[in-house]
C-alpha atoms as a PDB file:
ATOM      1  CA  MET A   1      93.818  72.374 114.405  1.00  0.00           C
ATOM      2  CA  ASP A   2      90.613  73.973 113.074  1.00  0.00           C
ATOM      3  CA  ILE A   3      90.711  76.782 110.567  1.00  0.00           C
ATOM      4  CA  SER A   4      88.685  78.942 113.010  1.00  0.00           C
ATOM      5  CA  ASP A   5      91.738  78.959 115.332  1.00  0.00           C
ATOM      6  CA  PHE A   6      93.401  81.315 112.838  1.00  0.00           C
ATOM      7  CA  ASP A   7      90.605  83.829 112.436  1.00  0.00           C
ATOM      8  CA  TYR A   8      90.455  87.391 113.648  1.00  0.00           C
ATOM      9  CA  ASP A   9      88.363  90.507 112.953  1.00  0.00           C
ATOM     10  CA  LEU A  10      90.192  93.251 111.094  1.00  0.00           C
ATOM     11  CA  PRO A  11      88.669  96.695 110.512  1.00  0.00           C
ATOM     12  CA  PRO A  12      88.723  97.200 106.716  1.00  0.00           C
ATOM     13  CA  GLU A  13      90.329 100.617 107.084  1.00  0.00           C
ATOM     14  CA  LEU A  14      93.488  98.939 108.505  1.00  0.00           C
ATOM     15  CA  ILE A  15      94.171  97.175 105.145  1.00  0.00           C
ATOM     16  CA  ALA A  16      96.930  99.372 103.674  1.00  0.00           C
ATOM     17  CA  GLN A  17      95.933 100.373 100.099  1.00  0.00           C
ATOM     18  CA  THR A  18      99.134 102.259  99.211  1.00  0.00           C
ATOM     19  CA  PRO A  19     102.733 102.191 100.364  1.00  0.00           C
ATOM     20  CA  LEU A  20     103.965 104.919 102.814  1.00  0.00           C
ATOM     21  CA  PRO A  21     106.116 107.748 101.343  1.00  0.00           C
ATOM     22  CA  ARG A  22     109.269 105.969 102.499  1.00  0.00           C
ATOM     23  CA  ARG A  23     109.618 102.237 102.758  1.00  0.00           C
ATOM     24  CA  ASP A  24     111.003 102.436 106.275  1.00  0.00           C
ATOM     25  CA  ASP A  25     108.263 104.734 107.494  1.00  0.00           C
ATOM     26  CA  SER A  26     106.419 101.673 108.646  1.00  0.00           C
ATOM     27  CA  ARG A  27     105.961 100.634 112.251  1.00  0.00           C
ATOM     28  CA  LEU A  28     107.566  97.498 113.760  1.00  0.00           C
ATOM     29  CA  LEU A  29     106.054  95.391 116.438  1.00  0.00           C
ATOM     30  CA  VAL A  30     108.717  93.422 118.298  1.00  0.00           C
ATOM     31  CA  VAL A  31     107.459  90.096 119.689  1.00  0.00           C
ATOM     32  CA  GLU A  32     109.705  88.330 122.144  1.00  0.00           C
ATOM     33  CA  ARG A  33     108.813  84.629 122.148  1.00  0.00           C
ATOM     34  CA  HIS A  34     110.374  83.630 125.411  1.00  0.00           C
ATOM     35  CA  SER A  35     109.172  86.554 127.509  1.00  0.00           C
ATOM     36  CA  GLY A  36     105.882  87.212 125.678  1.00  0.00           C
ATOM     37  CA  CYS A  37     106.800  90.911 125.696  1.00  0.00           C
ATOM     38  CA  LEU A  38     105.438  93.192 122.937  1.00  0.00           C
ATOM     39  CA  ARG A  39     107.286  96.367 122.040  1.00  0.00           C
ATOM     40  CA  HIS A  40     106.420  99.118 119.573  1.00  0.00           C
ATOM     41  CA  HIS A  41     109.166 100.522 117.351  1.00  0.00           C
ATOM     42  CA  SER A  42     109.805 102.121 114.016  1.00  0.00           C
ATOM     43  CA  PHE A  43     111.142  99.888 111.224  1.00  0.00           C
ATOM     44  CA  ARG A  44     114.241 102.184 111.127  1.00  0.00           C
ATOM     45  CA  ASP A  45     115.062 100.722 114.603  1.00  0.00           C
ATOM     46  CA  LEU A  46     115.594  97.212 113.139  1.00  0.00           C
ATOM     47  CA  PRO A  47     119.399  97.434 112.796  1.00  0.00           C
ATOM     48  CA  SER A  48     119.738  98.474 116.424  1.00  0.00           C
ATOM     49  CA  LEU A  49     117.830  95.333 117.397  1.00  0.00           C
ATOM     50  CA  LEU A  50     120.243  93.058 115.690  1.00  0.00           C
ATOM     51  CA  LYS A  51     123.640  91.911 117.045  1.00  0.00           C
ATOM     52  CA  PRO A  52     127.056  91.797 115.386  1.00  0.00           C
ATOM     53  CA  GLY A  53     127.436  88.326 113.865  1.00  0.00           C
ATOM     54  CA  ASP A  54     123.700  87.892 113.242  1.00  0.00           C
ATOM     55  CA  VAL A  55     122.906  86.601 109.743  1.00  0.00           C
ATOM     56  CA  ILE A  56     119.889  88.047 107.935  1.00  0.00           C
ATOM     57  CA  VAL A  57     118.578  86.233 104.881  1.00  0.00           C
ATOM     58  CA  PHE A  58     116.523  87.875 102.075  1.00  0.00           C
ATOM     59  CA  ASN A  59     114.529  86.419  99.171  1.00  0.00           C
ATOM     60  CA  ASP A  60     115.792  88.253  96.077  1.00  0.00           C
ATOM     61  CA  SER A  61     113.002  87.078  93.752  1.00  0.00           C
ATOM     62  CA  ARG A  62     111.487  89.732  91.429  1.00  0.00           C
ATOM     63  CA  VAL A  63     107.815  90.018  90.577  1.00  0.00           C
ATOM     64  CA  LEU A  64     106.921  89.381  86.980  1.00  0.00           C
ATOM     65  CA  PRO A  65     104.381  91.680  85.272  1.00  0.00           C
ATOM     66  CA  ALA A  66     102.288  88.562  85.053  1.00  0.00           C
ATOM     67  CA  ARG A  67      98.763  90.122  84.992  1.00  0.00           C
ATOM     68  CA  LEU A  68      97.280  90.392  81.482  1.00  0.00           C
ATOM     69  CA  ARG A  69      94.085  92.152  80.642  1.00  0.00           C
ATOM     70  CA  ALA A  70      92.235  90.534  77.756  1.00  0.00           C
ATOM     71  CA  HIS A  71      88.796  90.271  76.085  1.00  0.00           C
ATOM     72  CA  LYS A  72      86.625  87.561  74.581  1.00  0.00           C
ATOM     73  CA  PRO A  73      85.594  87.665  70.962  1.00  0.00           C
ATOM     74  CA  THR A  74      82.244  88.853  72.296  1.00  0.00           C
ATOM     75  CA  GLY A  75      83.970  91.803  74.029  1.00  0.00           C
ATOM     76  CA  GLY A  76      83.675  90.438  77.621  1.00  0.00           C
ATOM     77  CA  LYS A  77      86.621  91.342  79.849  1.00  0.00           C
ATOM     78  CA  VAL A  78      89.033  88.669  81.005  1.00  0.00           C
ATOM     79  CA  GLU A  79      92.009  88.758  83.312  1.00  0.00           C
ATOM     80  CA  LEU A  80      94.873  86.269  83.316  1.00  0.00           C
ATOM     81  CA  LEU A  81      97.536  85.711  85.907  1.00  0.00           C
ATOM     82  CA  LEU A  82     100.421  83.744  84.414  1.00  0.00           C
ATOM     83  CA  VAL A  83     101.631  81.548  87.232  1.00  0.00           C
ATOM     84  CA  GLU A  84     104.455  79.421  85.991  1.00  0.00           C
ATOM     85  CA  PRO A  85     106.175  78.465  82.758  1.00  0.00           C
ATOM     86  CA  ARG A  86     105.994  74.792  81.708  1.00  0.00           C
ATOM     87  CA  ALA A  87     108.711  72.775  79.894  1.00  0.00           C
ATOM     88  CA  ASP A  88     106.883  72.817  76.572  1.00  0.00           C
ATOM     89  CA  GLY A  89     106.677  76.621  76.376  1.00  0.00           C
ATOM     90  CA  THR A  90     103.119  76.881  77.671  1.00  0.00           C
ATOM     91  CA  TRP A  91     102.137  78.528  80.987  1.00  0.00           C
ATOM     92  CA  SER A  92      99.805  77.609  83.833  1.00  0.00           C
ATOM     93  CA  ALA A  93      97.505  80.509  84.520  1.00  0.00           C
ATOM     94  CA  LEU A  94      94.579  81.661  86.661  1.00  0.00           C
ATOM     95  CA  THR A  95      91.788  83.204  84.642  1.00  0.00           C
ATOM     96  CA  ARG A  96      88.918  85.361  85.728  1.00  0.00           C
ATOM     97  CA  PRO A  97      86.305  84.355  84.782  1.00  0.00           C
ATOM     98  CA  GLY A  98      87.208  80.646  84.376  1.00  0.00           C
ATOM     99  CA  LEU A  99      87.722  79.643  80.712  1.00  0.00           C
ATOM    100  CA  PRO A 100      87.065  76.302  79.116  1.00  0.00           C
ATOM    101  CA  ARG A 101      89.451  74.305  77.062  1.00  0.00           C
ATOM    102  CA  GLY A 102      89.668  75.676  73.546  1.00  0.00           C
ATOM    103  CA  ALA A 103      88.781  79.248  74.507  1.00  0.00           C
ATOM    104  CA  ILE A 104      90.723  82.047  72.760  1.00  0.00           C
ATOM    105  CA  VAL A 105      91.049  85.503  74.267  1.00  0.00           C
ATOM    106  CA  TYR A 106      92.751  88.574  72.984  1.00  0.00           C
ATOM    107  CA  ILE A 107      95.416  90.822  74.581  1.00  0.00           C
ATOM    108  CA  GLY A 108      95.301  94.522  73.790  1.00  0.00           C
ATOM    109  CA  ASP A 109      92.587  96.898  72.818  1.00  0.00           C
ATOM    110  CA  SER A 110      93.803  97.785  69.346  1.00  0.00           C
ATOM    111  CA  GLU A 111      93.686  95.721  66.152  1.00  0.00           C
ATOM    112  CA  PRO A 112      95.289  93.305  65.544  1.00  0.00           C
ATOM    113  CA  SER A 113      95.127  92.075  69.130  1.00  0.00           C
ATOM    114  CA  LEU A 114      97.196  89.116  70.277  1.00  0.00           C
ATOM    115  CA  PRO A 115      95.425  85.747  70.796  1.00  0.00           C
ATOM    116  CA  ILE A 116      95.945  83.423  73.690  1.00  0.00           C
ATOM    117  CA  GLU A 117      94.415  79.903  73.728  1.00  0.00           C
ATOM    118  CA  VAL A 118      93.431  77.736  76.678  1.00  0.00           C
ATOM    119  CA  ILE A 119      94.689  74.278  75.648  1.00  0.00           C
ATOM    120  CA  GLY A 120      93.964  72.346  78.813  1.00  0.00           C
ATOM    121  CA  LEU A 121      93.414  72.314  82.635  1.00  0.00           C
ATOM    122  CA  SER A 122      95.994  71.128  85.163  1.00  0.00           C
ATOM    123  CA  ASP A 123      95.200  68.750  88.056  1.00  0.00           C
ATOM    124  CA  SER A 124      95.061  71.720  90.367  1.00  0.00           C
ATOM    125  CA  GLY A 125      92.490  73.535  88.249  1.00  0.00           C
ATOM    126  CA  LEU A 126      94.797  76.049  86.659  1.00  0.00           C
ATOM    127  CA  ARG A 127      94.417  76.696  82.941  1.00  0.00           C
ATOM    128  CA  ILE A 128      97.229  75.753  80.557  1.00  0.00           C
ATOM    129  CA  VAL A 129      97.626  78.608  78.000  1.00  0.00           C
ATOM    130  CA  ARG A 130      99.844  79.293  74.982  1.00  0.00           C
ATOM    131  CA  THR A 131     100.354  82.322  72.851  1.00  0.00           C
ATOM    132  CA  LEU A 132      99.423  82.190  69.142  1.00  0.00           C
ATOM    133  CA  GLU A 133     101.078  83.982  66.230  1.00  0.00           C
ATOM    134  CA  GLY A 134     104.592  83.328  67.437  1.00  0.00           C
ATOM    135  CA  MET A 135     105.017  85.908  70.196  1.00  0.00           C
ATOM    136  CA  SER A 136     106.904  84.603  73.148  1.00  0.00           C
ATOM    137  CA  VAL A 137     105.360  84.958  76.658  1.00  0.00           C
ATOM    138  CA  ALA A 138     108.345  86.898  77.829  1.00  0.00           C
ATOM    139  CA  THR A 139     107.779  89.505  75.064  1.00  0.00           C
ATOM    140  CA  LEU A 140     104.043  89.546  75.772  1.00  0.00           C
ATOM    141  CA  LEU A 141     104.619  90.238  79.483  1.00  0.00           C
ATOM    142  CA  ALA A 142     107.205  92.926  78.693  1.00  0.00           C
ATOM    143  CA  GLU A 143     104.810  94.717  76.350  1.00  0.00           C
ATOM    144  CA  TYR A 144     101.409  94.178  77.992  1.00  0.00           C
ATOM    145  CA  GLY A 145     101.900  92.733  81.504  1.00  0.00           C
ATOM    146  CA  GLU A 146     101.099  94.457  84.789  1.00  0.00           C
ATOM    147  CA  LEU A 147     102.333  93.711  88.297  1.00  0.00           C
ATOM    148  CA  PRO A 148      99.772  91.531  89.956  1.00  0.00           C
ATOM    149  CA  THR A 149      99.024  93.245  93.243  1.00  0.00           C
ATOM    150  CA  PRO A 150      96.789  91.302  95.679  1.00  0.00           C
ATOM    151  CA  PRO A 151      92.957  91.470  95.312  1.00  0.00           C
ATOM    152  CA  TYR A 152      92.520  93.379  98.639  1.00  0.00           C
ATOM    153  CA  ILE A 153      94.509  96.361  97.136  1.00  0.00           C
ATOM    154  CA  HIS A 154      91.896  98.341  95.145  1.00  0.00           C
ATOM    155  CA  ARG A 155      94.041 101.180  93.867  1.00  0.00           C
ATOM    156  CA  ARG A 156      96.431 100.933  90.909  1.00  0.00           C
ATOM    157  CA  LEU A 157     100.048 101.693  91.994  1.00  0.00           C
ATOM    158  CA  SER A 158     101.375 104.995  90.795  1.00  0.00           C
ATOM    159  CA  ASP A 159     104.931 103.634  91.171  1.00  0.00           C
ATOM    160  CA  PRO A 160     105.076  99.895  90.432  1.00  0.00           C
ATOM    161  CA  SER A 161     108.600  99.724  91.816  1.00  0.00           C
ATOM    162  CA  ARG A 162     107.132  99.979  95.277  1.00  0.00           C
ATOM    163  CA  TYR A 163     105.834  96.408  94.840  1.00  0.00           C
ATOM    164  CA  GLN A 164     109.442  95.210  94.339  1.00  0.00           C
ATOM    165  CA  THR A 165     112.125  94.904  97.028  1.00  0.00           C
ATOM    166  CA  ILE A 166     115.178  97.102  96.403  1.00  0.00           C
ATOM    167  CA  TYR A 167     117.283  94.031  96.099  1.00  0.00           C
ATOM    168  CA  ALA A 168     115.045  92.032  93.737  1.00  0.00           C
ATOM    169  CA  ARG A 169     117.127  90.427  91.057  1.00  0.00           C
ATOM    170  CA  GLU A 170     115.760  87.070  89.842  1.00  0.00           C
ATOM    171  CA  ASN A 171     112.534  87.264  87.817  1.00  0.00           C
ATOM    172  CA  GLY A 172     109.908  84.597  88.638  1.00  0.00           C
ATOM    173  CA  SER A 173     107.362  85.607  91.323  1.00  0.00           C
ATOM    174  CA  ILE A 174     103.746  86.432  90.859  1.00  0.00           C
ATOM    175  CA  ALA A 175     103.615  88.198  94.211  1.00  0.00           C
ATOM    176  CA  ALA A 176     106.225  90.184  96.209  1.00  0.00           C
ATOM    177  CA  PRO A 177     107.993  88.752  99.301  1.00  0.00           C
ATOM    178  CA  THR A 178     106.444  91.651 101.118  1.00  0.00           C
ATOM    179  CA  ALA A 179     108.417  91.515 104.367  1.00  0.00           C
ATOM    180  CA  GLY A 180     111.364  92.862 102.313  1.00  0.00           C
ATOM    181  CA  LEU A 181     109.474  95.919 101.039  1.00  0.00           C
ATOM    182  CA  HIS A 182     110.394  97.834 104.207  1.00  0.00           C
ATOM    183  CA  PHE A 183     114.151  97.769 103.609  1.00  0.00           C
ATOM    184  CA  THR A 184     116.040 100.720 102.092  1.00  0.00           C
ATOM    185  CA  GLU A 185     119.702 101.118 101.045  1.00  0.00           C
ATOM    186  CA  GLU A 186     120.244 103.018 104.318  1.00  0.00           C
ATOM    187  CA  ILE A 187     119.086 100.137 106.446  1.00  0.00           C
ATOM    188  CA  LEU A 188     121.191  97.636 104.533  1.00  0.00           C
ATOM    189  CA  GLU A 189     124.181  99.940 105.047  1.00  0.00           C
ATOM    190  CA  GLN A 190     123.484 100.121 108.738  1.00  0.00           C
ATOM    191  CA  LEU A 191     123.215  96.349 108.995  1.00  0.00           C
ATOM    192  CA  ASP A 192     126.609  96.079 107.310  1.00  0.00           C
ATOM    193  CA  GLN A 193     128.114  98.663 109.583  1.00  0.00           C
ATOM    194  CA  ARG A 194     126.759  96.693 112.583  1.00  0.00           C
ATOM    195  CA  GLN A 195     128.515  93.638 111.199  1.00  0.00           C
ATOM    196  CA  VAL A 196     125.331  91.843 110.465  1.00  0.00           C
ATOM    197  CA  GLU A 197     126.001  89.255 107.702  1.00  0.00           C
ATOM    198  CA  ILE A 198     123.688  89.618 104.707  1.00  0.00           C
ATOM    199  CA  GLN A 199     122.769  86.642 102.566  1.00  0.00           C
ATOM    200  CA  TYR A 200     120.335  85.947  99.736  1.00  0.00           C
ATOM    201  CA  LEU A 201     118.325  83.058  98.340  1.00  0.00           C
ATOM    202  CA  THR A 202     115.642  82.917  95.698  1.00  0.00           C
ATOM    203  CA  LEU A 203     112.125  81.551  96.121  1.00  0.00           C
ATOM    204  CA  HIS A 204     109.749  82.411  93.328  1.00  0.00           C
ATOM    205  CA  VAL A 205     106.398  83.120  95.014  1.00  0.00           C
ATOM    206  CA  GLY A 206     103.602  81.166  93.404  1.00  0.00           C
ATOM    207  CA  ILE A 207     100.031  80.428  94.226  1.00  0.00           C
ATOM    208  CA  GLY A 208     101.155  78.102  97.086  1.00  0.00           C
ATOM    209  CA  THR A 209     101.934  81.198  99.232  1.00  0.00           C
ATOM    210  CA  PHE A 210      98.519  82.789  98.960  1.00  0.00           C
ATOM    211  CA  THR A 211      95.989  80.051  98.080  1.00  0.00           C
ATOM    212  CA  PRO A 212      93.171  80.207 100.612  1.00  0.00           C
ATOM    213  CA  VAL A 213      92.722  77.312 103.020  1.00  0.00           C
ATOM    214  CA  ARG A 214      89.281  75.928 102.127  1.00  0.00           C
ATOM    215  CA  VAL A 215      89.207  72.960 104.479  1.00  0.00           C
ATOM    216  CA  GLN A 216      88.007  73.045 108.080  1.00  0.00           C
ATOM    217  CA  GLU A 217      90.759  70.733 109.378  1.00  0.00           C
ATOM    218  CA  VAL A 218      94.040  72.587 108.670  1.00  0.00           C
ATOM    219  CA  ALA A 219      96.079  69.394 108.277  1.00  0.00           C
ATOM    220  CA  ARG A 220      94.062  68.515 105.161  1.00  0.00           C
ATOM    221  CA  HIS A 221      95.271  71.569 103.231  1.00  0.00           C
ATOM    222  CA  HIS A 222      97.803  70.885 100.487  1.00  0.00           C
ATOM    223  CA  MET A 223     100.435  73.553  99.464  1.00  0.00           C
ATOM    224  CA  HIS A 224     101.137  74.061  95.762  1.00  0.00           C
ATOM    225  CA  GLU A 225     104.759  73.476  94.892  1.00  0.00           C
ATOM    226  CA  GLU A 226     107.149  76.504  94.671  1.00  0.00           C
ATOM    227  CA  HIS A 227     110.699  76.522  93.400  1.00  0.00           C
ATOM    228  CA  PHE A 228     113.805  77.982  95.188  1.00  0.00           C
ATOM    229  CA  THR A 229     117.511  78.163  94.843  1.00  0.00           C
ATOM    230  CA  LEU A 230     120.082  78.095  97.635  1.00  0.00           C
ATOM    231  CA  SER A 231     123.637  78.503  96.610  1.00  0.00           C
ATOM    232  CA  GLU A 232     126.600  76.586  98.073  1.00  0.00           C
ATOM    233  CA  PRO A 233     128.350  79.712  99.590  1.00  0.00           C
ATOM    234  CA  VAL A 234     125.133  80.805 101.271  1.00  0.00           C
ATOM    235  CA  ALA A 235     124.385  77.363 102.647  1.00  0.00           C
ATOM    236  CA  ARG A 236     127.876  77.020 104.077  1.00  0.00           C
ATOM    237  CA  ALA A 237     127.718  80.511 105.650  1.00  0.00           C
ATOM    238  CA  LEU A 238     124.478  79.613 107.316  1.00  0.00           C
ATOM    239  CA  GLU A 239     125.854  76.359 108.559  1.00  0.00           C
ATOM    240  CA  ARG A 240     128.828  78.163 110.080  1.00  0.00           C
ATOM    241  CA  ALA A 241     126.438  80.527 111.849  1.00  0.00           C
ATOM    242  CA  LYS A 242     124.595  77.548 113.337  1.00  0.00           C
ATOM    243  CA  ARG A 243     127.860  75.895 114.498  1.00  0.00           C
ATOM    244  CA  THR A 244     128.952  79.144 116.166  1.00  0.00           C
ATOM    245  CA  GLY A 245     125.689  79.937 117.850  1.00  0.00           C
ATOM    246  CA  ARG A 246     124.851  83.046 115.842  1.00  0.00           C
ATOM    247  CA  ARG A 247     121.272  83.925 114.969  1.00  0.00           C
ATOM    248  CA  ILE A 248     119.787  83.377 111.564  1.00  0.00           C
ATOM    249  CA  ILE A 249     117.069  85.938 110.867  1.00  0.00           C
ATOM    250  CA  ALA A 250     114.684  85.208 107.910  1.00  0.00           C
ATOM    251  CA  VAL A 251     113.084  88.063 106.093  1.00  0.00           C
ATOM    252  CA  GLY A 252     109.655  86.795 105.298  1.00  0.00           C
ATOM    253  CA  THR A 253     107.732  83.563 105.273  1.00  0.00           C
ATOM    254  CA  THR A 254     109.010  82.606 101.865  1.00  0.00           C
ATOM    255  CA  THR A 255     112.659  82.780 103.084  1.00  0.00           C
ATOM    256  CA  THR A 256     111.630  80.716 106.053  1.00  0.00           C
ATOM    257  CA  ARG A 257     109.961  77.990 104.017  1.00  0.00           C
ATOM    258  CA  ALA A 258     112.944  77.761 101.695  1.00  0.00           C
ATOM    259  CA  LEU A 259     115.521  77.455 104.571  1.00  0.00           C
ATOM    260  CA  GLU A 260     113.422  74.924 106.527  1.00  0.00           C
ATOM    261  CA  SER A 261     112.775  72.897 103.307  1.00  0.00           C
ATOM    262  CA  ALA A 262     116.425  72.778 102.465  1.00  0.00           C
ATOM    263  CA  TRP A 263     117.403  71.371 105.942  1.00  0.00           C
ATOM    264  CA  HIS A 264     118.332  67.769 105.780  1.00  0.00           C
ATOM    265  CA  ASP A 265     120.467  65.516 108.001  1.00  0.00           C
ATOM    266  CA  GLY A 266     121.949  68.424 109.922  1.00  0.00           C
ATOM    267  CA  GLY A 267     122.891  70.597 106.918  1.00  0.00           C
ATOM    268  CA  LEU A 268     121.403  72.568 104.028  1.00  0.00           C
ATOM    269  CA  ARG A 269     120.912  71.151 100.591  1.00  0.00           C
ATOM    270  CA  THR A 270     121.951  73.421  97.806  1.00  0.00           C
ATOM    271  CA  GLY A 271     120.912  74.157  94.140  1.00  0.00           C
ATOM    272  CA  ILE A 272     117.542  74.369  92.572  1.00  0.00           C
ATOM    273  CA  GLN A 273     114.885  72.748  94.720  1.00  0.00           C
ATOM    274  CA  SER A 274     111.055  72.674  95.145  1.00  0.00           C
ATOM    275  CA  THR A 275     108.971  72.811  98.232  1.00  0.00           C
ATOM    276  CA  SER A 276     105.320  72.213  99.201  1.00  0.00           C
ATOM    277  CA  LEU A 277     106.220  72.450 102.887  1.00  0.00           C
ATOM    278  CA  PHE A 278     103.199  73.489 105.002  1.00  0.00           C
ATOM    279  CA  ILE A 279     104.306  74.901 108.338  1.00  0.00           C
ATOM    280  CA  THR A 280     101.692  74.725 111.149  1.00  0.00           C
ATOM    281  CA  PRO A 281     101.878  74.752 114.953  1.00  0.00           C
ATOM    282  CA  GLY A 282     103.936  71.803 116.119  1.00  0.00           C
ATOM    283  CA  PHE A 283     106.480  72.167 113.360  1.00  0.00           C
ATOM    284  CA  GLN A 284     110.165  71.913 114.555  1.00  0.00           C
ATOM    285  CA  PHE A 285     112.295  74.748 113.135  1.00  0.00           C
ATOM    286  CA  HIS A 286     115.871  73.774 112.470  1.00  0.00           C
ATOM    287  CA  VAL A 287     117.332  76.811 110.739  1.00  0.00           C
ATOM    288  CA  ILE A 288     115.744  80.201 111.706  1.00  0.00           C
ATOM    289  CA  ASP A 289     116.080  81.950 115.048  1.00  0.00           C
ATOM    290  CA  ALA A 290     114.150  85.147 114.316  1.00  0.00           C
ATOM    291  CA  LEU A 291     111.719  86.420 111.713  1.00  0.00           C
ATOM    292  CA  VAL A 292     110.880  89.722 110.061  1.00  0.00           C
ATOM    293  CA  THR A 293     107.336  89.433 108.673  1.00  0.00           C
ATOM    294  CA  ASN A 294     104.230  91.452 107.799  1.00  0.00           C
ATOM    295  CA  PHE A 295     100.730  91.024 109.195  1.00  0.00           C
ATOM    296  CA  HIS A 296      98.887  88.274 107.343  1.00  0.00           C
ATOM    297  CA  LEU A 297      95.334  87.542 106.331  1.00  0.00           C
ATOM    298  CA  PRO A 298      93.028  85.537 108.648  1.00  0.00           C
ATOM    299  CA  ARG A 299      92.890  81.788 107.950  1.00  0.00           C
ATOM    300  CA  SER A 300      95.990  81.978 105.766  1.00  0.00           C
ATOM    301  CA  THR A 301      98.950  79.522 105.565  1.00  0.00           C
ATOM    302  CA  LEU A 302     101.183  82.587 106.366  1.00  0.00           C
ATOM    303  CA  LEU A 303      99.404  83.186 109.662  1.00  0.00           C
ATOM    304  CA  MET A 304      99.815  79.497 110.447  1.00  0.00           C
ATOM    305  CA  LEU A 305     103.491  79.636 109.765  1.00  0.00           C
ATOM    306  CA  VAL A 306     104.086  82.644 112.099  1.00  0.00           C
ATOM    307  CA  SER A 307     101.813  80.929 114.664  1.00  0.00           C
ATOM    308  CA  ALA A 308     104.017  77.877 114.500  1.00  0.00           C
ATOM    309  CA  PHE A 309     107.131  79.983 115.024  1.00  0.00           C
ATOM    310  CA  THR A 310     105.745  82.282 117.709  1.00  0.00           C
ATOM    311  CA  GLY A 311     103.183  80.217 119.538  1.00  0.00           C
ATOM    312  CA  HIS A 312      99.477  80.445 118.746  1.00  0.00           C
ATOM    313  CA  LYS A 313      98.366  82.385 121.827  1.00  0.00           C
ATOM    314  CA  LEU A 314     101.219  84.868 121.578  1.00  0.00           C
ATOM    315  CA  ILE A 315     100.792  85.593 117.903  1.00  0.00           C
ATOM    316  CA  MET A 316      97.053  86.115 118.287  1.00  0.00           C
ATOM    317  CA  ARG A 317      97.723  88.481 121.201  1.00  0.00           C
ATOM    318  CA  ALA A 318     100.235  90.325 119.043  1.00  0.00           C
ATOM    319  CA  TYR A 319      97.696  90.743 116.274  1.00  0.00           C
ATOM    320  CA  HIS A 320      95.053  92.043 118.608  1.00  0.00           C
ATOM    321  CA  GLU A 321      97.549  94.473 120.011  1.00  0.00           C
ATOM    322  CA  ALA A 322      98.428  95.669 116.477  1.00  0.00           C
ATOM    323  CA  ILE A 323      94.788  96.132 115.698  1.00  0.00           C
ATOM    324  CA  SER A 324      94.193  98.145 118.898  1.00  0.00           C
ATOM    325  CA  GLN A 325      97.186 100.295 118.084  1.00  0.00           C
ATOM    326  CA  ARG A 326      95.924 100.892 114.483  1.00  0.00           C
ATOM    327  CA  TYR A 327      98.814  99.207 112.712  1.00  0.00           C
ATOM    328  CA  ARG A 328      98.566  98.981 108.978  1.00  0.00           C
ATOM    329  CA  PHE A 329      98.014  95.394 107.645  1.00  0.00           C
ATOM    330  CA  TYR A 330      99.065  93.144 104.652  1.00  0.00           C
ATOM    331  CA  SER A 331     101.332  93.840 101.789  1.00  0.00           C
ATOM    332  CA  PHE A 332     101.834  97.527 102.163  1.00  0.00           C
ATOM    333  CA  GLY A 333     101.271  97.519 105.900  1.00  0.00           C
ATOM    334  CA  ASP A 334     103.619  97.483 108.932  1.00  0.00           C
ATOM    335  CA  ALA A 335     105.958  94.775 110.098  1.00  0.00           C
ATOM    336  CA  MET A 336     106.747  92.437 113.005  1.00  0.00           C
ATOM    337  CA  PHE A 337     110.166  91.312 114.327  1.00  0.00           C
ATOM    338  CA  ILE A 338     109.707  87.964 116.086  1.00  0.00           C
ATOM    339  CA  THR A 339     112.701  87.068 118.136  1.00  0.00           C
END
């Protein structure tokens, strides 16, 4: 398929800049794949749309304060996004502006500020950086790091916890699994009362999830590798659900990619795994039966994934309906339940 097949026009004012007062204040567009029906709901209605015995799967990864503001020796401003730790204690990072090998920048405005050196470039164009003067990256992030909200959000968050899910436990992501931002303790309690089984996996969101597609022919795009963990008890619970005909509902595209990546020879592989799975129309889904997701950027791999699950014509009709009804888009926007 051509990248233009996944384009749409979004009025800028529909890009949500801040979260709503309550997480579950968001709207929910229900998309029925088999009938093509579109229905408008509140996110608070989600428990009533699920059935006893359904299994809902969340990604419990927690966003790292991975954005660092720095300056060059000349005083020029630099921003670093630490993407992933490496085995030797260095980190891969995105820098803005790009920095050459050997460059040293300084974290913090006061003296003495803390130096970070660019010691190399990875095959994918990321900078390899290390701290100097003995401070660990974990300590550096704890003291100076900020949550790395997406570039289309132009306001600094007054409450950084709103860019974490309420069930986030495992540190490692550089972006939130945003479909989960709508859930509250009350909704989780209602799901439990409805005898919906709740399970968790961990996929650390890296640049693979949001790297733009820069090729015209979609099939030529390469996803960066991301790491996930699926425990033995969760895998066996999901396999039991499949055997007994109960629905598996993924919360978010990251959960979807982890589950579909773990599927092998009629079962789910467990433990720490990696995936560069790129899901596009024509992909055969083996695990998930329904999907809770947000509205995604044009030409993005996330829009391609939901298009593969829903059907291209139906998902584009759903997006145009959401635009006409003034839904809020992207990370702090409204949600879809595709069933």
